[in-house]
Amino acid sequence: MFIGNIVTNNSFGYKNFNIINSFDDIMVNLPTLIVGWDNVKAIAPNADYFDRKLSDDIFWTFSLTEKRDMYEEDLYYFIKKCYEVFVSKSNYIYIDFLLFENKKILNIFNNIKISSKKIGFQTENMIYINIDNLIYGIDLNVIDYIGKDKNQLINYLKNDIDVLFINNEILIEYKDYMDKLNNKLKYIPYIYSVEHE
């Protein structure tokens, strides 16, 4: 699974990036970073030395040997942008047991039940469920607060969800994602779903 293209003459050790040495080999619809002034001039002869954005999803930076500080900064922000673009393809709905009407909550749970591919992640206080790029969030503290049995809900969901990760058992695998996404754990089931399509 690739979330961005990096056009460079050097090798990179970045997971989830399409590392190529020719602009012709990019995967369309992914953000692209072109590394090196010579590479940029070959693709965009009129490129501006100061504006390192060629279009909405095509950027460039100097190579490591040309301007190290700009290269490192641009690479950092490009990678961060790629992760943000990747998760922007999902939507998040917090299931508010305090404000949602019972009918709405039942409809959500029916939607979860009839969906074919359900991936979940449970932390100490939350359960996140991804279905077709839609992430549902359930706050277990609220379940306690309204006087319901959170263990009954957890067991119901465990029986219904195809894959449910509990607490830290998957965090190491997704550490790179979490670092780039400000530790927003809600994206773990979505990332897993996309990686295992």
Protein backbone atom coordinates (compact mmCIF):
# COMPACT_ATOMS: atom_id res chain seq x y z
CA MET A 1 0.00 0.00 0.00
CA PHE A 2 1.50 3.31 -1.09
CA ILE A 3 0.40 6.71 0.19
CA GLY A 4 2.79 8.90 -1.82
CA ASN A 5 5.41 9.01 -4.57
CA ILE A 6 9.00 10.16 -4.10
CA VAL A 7 10.97 10.77 -7.29
CA THR A 8 14.67 10.60 -6.47
CA ASN A 9 18.01 9.28 -7.68
CA ASN A 10 18.80 8.03 -4.17
CA SER A 11 17.39 5.13 -2.19
CA PHE A 12 14.94 5.73 0.64
CA GLY A 13 13.90 3.52 3.51
CA TYR A 14 10.38 4.89 3.87
CA LYS A 15 7.62 2.37 4.19
CA ASN A 16 4.41 3.01 2.22
CA PHE A 17 6.03 5.25 -0.37
CA ASN A 18 6.50 4.54 -4.06
CA ILE A 19 10.22 5.37 -4.43
CA ILE A 20 11.03 5.87 -8.11
CA ASN A 21 13.69 7.56 -10.21
CA SER A 22 11.42 8.72 -13.04
CA PHE A 23 8.39 10.97 -12.91
CA ASP A 24 6.83 8.73 -15.58
CA ASP A 25 6.54 5.95 -12.99
CA ILE A 26 4.41 7.82 -10.45
CA MET A 27 1.16 6.37 -9.21
CA VAL A 28 -1.50 8.91 -10.13
CA ASN A 29 -3.81 10.30 -7.44
CA LEU A 30 -1.06 10.19 -4.83
CA PRO A 31 0.91 13.19 -3.56
CA THR A 32 4.32 13.34 -5.25
CA LEU A 33 7.64 14.79 -4.09
CA ILE A 34 10.41 15.36 -6.63
CA VAL A 35 13.86 15.46 -5.02
CA GLY A 36 16.66 17.53 -6.59
CA TRP A 37 16.73 20.76 -8.57
CA ASP A 38 17.91 18.96 -11.73
CA ASN A 39 15.01 16.50 -11.54
CA VAL A 40 12.55 19.35 -11.13
CA LYS A 41 13.97 21.31 -14.06
CA ALA A 42 13.71 18.22 -16.27
CA ILE A 43 9.99 17.90 -15.44
CA ALA A 44 9.03 21.56 -15.00
CA PRO A 45 11.53 23.84 -16.79
CA ASN A 46 9.76 26.95 -15.50
CA ALA A 47 9.79 25.84 -11.86
CA ASP A 48 10.27 28.63 -9.35
CA TYR A 49 13.34 28.25 -7.16
CA PHE A 50 11.41 29.61 -4.16
CA ASP A 51 7.98 28.02 -4.67
CA ARG A 52 8.35 24.30 -4.04
CA LYS A 53 4.76 23.45 -4.95
CA LEU A 54 4.17 22.62 -8.61
CA SER A 55 0.48 21.75 -8.25
CA ASP A 56 -1.98 20.70 -5.55
CA ASP A 57 -0.38 17.29 -5.19
CA ILE A 58 3.09 17.68 -6.75
CA PHE A 59 5.90 19.20 -4.69
CA TRP A 60 9.65 19.41 -5.00
CA THR A 61 12.59 19.88 -2.73
CA PHE A 62 16.32 20.21 -2.99
CA SER A 63 18.44 17.10 -2.66
CA LEU A 64 20.30 16.33 0.52
CA THR A 65 23.55 17.62 -1.00
CA GLU A 66 21.98 20.80 -2.41
CA LYS A 67 20.26 22.20 0.69
CA ARG A 68 20.13 19.76 3.58
CA ASP A 69 17.97 21.88 5.93
CA MET A 70 15.28 22.54 3.29
CA TYR A 71 15.38 18.91 2.15
CA GLU A 72 14.79 17.57 5.67
CA GLU A 73 12.02 20.05 6.42
CA ASP A 74 10.25 19.53 3.08
CA LEU A 75 10.50 15.75 3.37
CA TYR A 76 9.05 15.83 6.89
CA TYR A 77 6.05 17.95 5.83
CA PHE A 78 5.50 15.95 2.64
CA ILE A 79 5.37 12.68 4.56
CA LYS A 80 3.00 14.20 7.11
CA LYS A 81 0.77 15.49 4.28
CA CYS A 82 0.67 12.04 2.66
CA TYR A 83 -0.56 10.46 5.87
CA GLU A 84 -3.20 13.19 6.29
CA VAL A 85 -4.40 12.71 2.70
CA PHE A 86 -4.54 8.96 3.25
CA VAL A 87 -6.78 9.14 6.35
CA SER A 88 -8.92 11.91 4.85
CA LYS A 89 -10.53 9.17 2.73
CA SER A 90 -12.24 7.95 5.90
CA ASN A 91 -14.99 9.54 7.97
CA TYR A 92 -15.42 9.42 11.72
CA ILE A 93 -18.71 9.23 13.64
CA TYR A 94 -18.69 9.36 17.40
CA ILE A 95 -21.71 7.40 18.67
CA ASP A 96 -23.04 9.76 21.31
CA PHE A 97 -25.16 7.71 23.70
CA LEU A 98 -26.10 10.89 25.57
CA LEU A 99 -27.38 12.95 22.67
CA PHE A 100 -28.35 10.48 19.91
CA GLU A 101 -31.90 9.17 19.87
CA ASN A 102 -32.26 5.45 20.50
CA LYS A 103 -33.49 4.94 16.93
CA LYS A 104 -30.32 6.49 15.52
CA ILE A 105 -28.12 4.31 17.77
CA LEU A 106 -30.05 1.19 16.73
CA ASN A 107 -29.65 2.12 13.05
CA ILE A 108 -25.89 2.48 13.54
CA PHE A 109 -25.63 -0.90 15.25
CA ASN A 110 -27.77 -2.49 12.54
CA ASN A 111 -25.43 -1.00 9.94
CA ILE A 112 -22.48 -2.47 11.82
CA LYS A 113 -24.18 -5.87 12.06
CA ILE A 114 -25.06 -6.17 8.35
CA SER A 115 -21.70 -4.93 7.08
CA SER A 116 -19.42 -7.56 5.63
CA LYS A 117 -15.98 -6.41 6.76
CA LYS A 118 -15.76 -5.05 10.31
CA ILE A 119 -12.41 -4.16 11.86
CA GLY A 120 -12.22 -2.93 15.44
CA PHE A 121 -9.70 -1.56 17.90
CA GLN A 122 -10.41 -1.39 21.64
CA THR A 123 -8.47 0.78 24.05
CA GLU A 124 -9.14 1.06 27.77
CA ASN A 125 -11.84 3.69 27.19
CA MET A 126 -12.82 3.52 23.51
CA ILE A 127 -13.82 1.12 20.77
CA TYR A 128 -13.28 2.12 17.15
CA ILE A 129 -14.93 0.15 14.36
CA ASN A 130 -14.17 0.62 10.66
CA ILE A 131 -16.74 -0.31 8.04
CA ASP A 132 -16.25 0.76 4.41
CA ASN A 133 -14.01 3.73 5.36
CA LEU A 134 -16.46 4.85 8.04
CA ILE A 135 -15.05 4.77 11.56
CA TYR A 136 -17.44 4.58 14.50
CA GLY A 137 -16.23 5.57 17.95
CA ILE A 138 -17.80 4.34 21.19
CA ASP A 139 -16.74 5.81 24.53
CA LEU A 140 -16.89 3.05 27.14
CA ASN A 141 -16.88 5.58 30.00
CA VAL A 142 -20.15 6.99 28.67
CA ILE A 143 -21.64 3.49 28.62
CA ASP A 144 -20.77 3.23 32.34
CA TYR A 145 -22.10 6.74 32.98
CA ILE A 146 -25.54 5.98 31.53
CA GLY A 147 -25.77 2.84 33.67
CA LYS A 148 -25.32 0.24 30.93
CA ASP A 149 -23.04 -2.78 31.09
CA LYS A 150 -19.98 -1.99 28.98
CA ASN A 151 -18.77 -5.61 29.19
CA GLN A 152 -22.02 -6.77 27.59
CA LEU A 153 -21.48 -4.28 24.75
CA ILE A 154 -17.83 -5.35 24.36
CA ASN A 155 -18.83 -9.03 24.20
CA TYR A 156 -21.57 -8.27 21.67
CA LEU A 157 -19.10 -6.42 19.47
CA LYS A 158 -16.39 -9.09 19.87
CA ASN A 159 -18.82 -11.67 18.52
CA ASP A 160 -19.84 -9.48 15.61
CA ILE A 161 -16.57 -7.87 14.50
CA ASP A 162 -14.36 -9.80 12.05
CA VAL A 163 -11.07 -8.58 13.55
CA LEU A 164 -10.84 -6.86 16.94
CA PHE A 165 -7.52 -5.69 18.32
CA ILE A 166 -7.39 -5.03 22.04
CA ASN A 167 -5.23 -2.36 23.68
CA ASN A 168 -1.57 -2.43 22.66
CA GLU A 169 -1.43 -5.64 20.60
CA ILE A 170 -1.27 -3.76 17.29
CA LEU A 171 0.23 -0.40 18.27
CA ILE A 172 3.84 -1.41 17.51
CA GLU A 173 2.90 -2.39 13.97
CA TYR A 174 1.29 0.99 13.39
CA LYS A 175 3.76 3.15 15.30
CA ASP A 176 4.90 5.00 12.14
CA TYR A 177 1.31 5.88 11.30
CA MET A 178 0.53 7.01 14.82
CA ASP A 179 3.64 9.22 14.95
CA LYS A 180 2.55 10.97 11.75
CA LEU A 181 -1.12 11.17 12.75
CA ASN A 182 -0.63 12.69 16.21
CA ASN A 183 -1.52 9.36 17.88
CA LYS A 184 -5.13 9.40 16.66
CA LEU A 185 -5.90 5.78 17.49
CA LYS A 186 -9.26 5.91 15.74
CA TYR A 187 -7.46 5.39 12.40
CA ILE A 188 -5.99 1.99 13.30
CA PRO A 189 -8.98 -0.09 12.08
CA TYR A 190 -9.15 1.98 8.88
CA ILE A 191 -5.43 1.52 8.17
CA TYR A 192 -5.69 -2.20 8.85
CA SER A 193 -8.68 -2.47 6.49
CA VAL A 194 -6.88 -0.71 3.66
CA GLU A 195 -3.71 -2.75 4.13
CA HIS A 196 -5.67 -6.02 4.05
CA GLU A 197 -8.01 -5.36 1.14
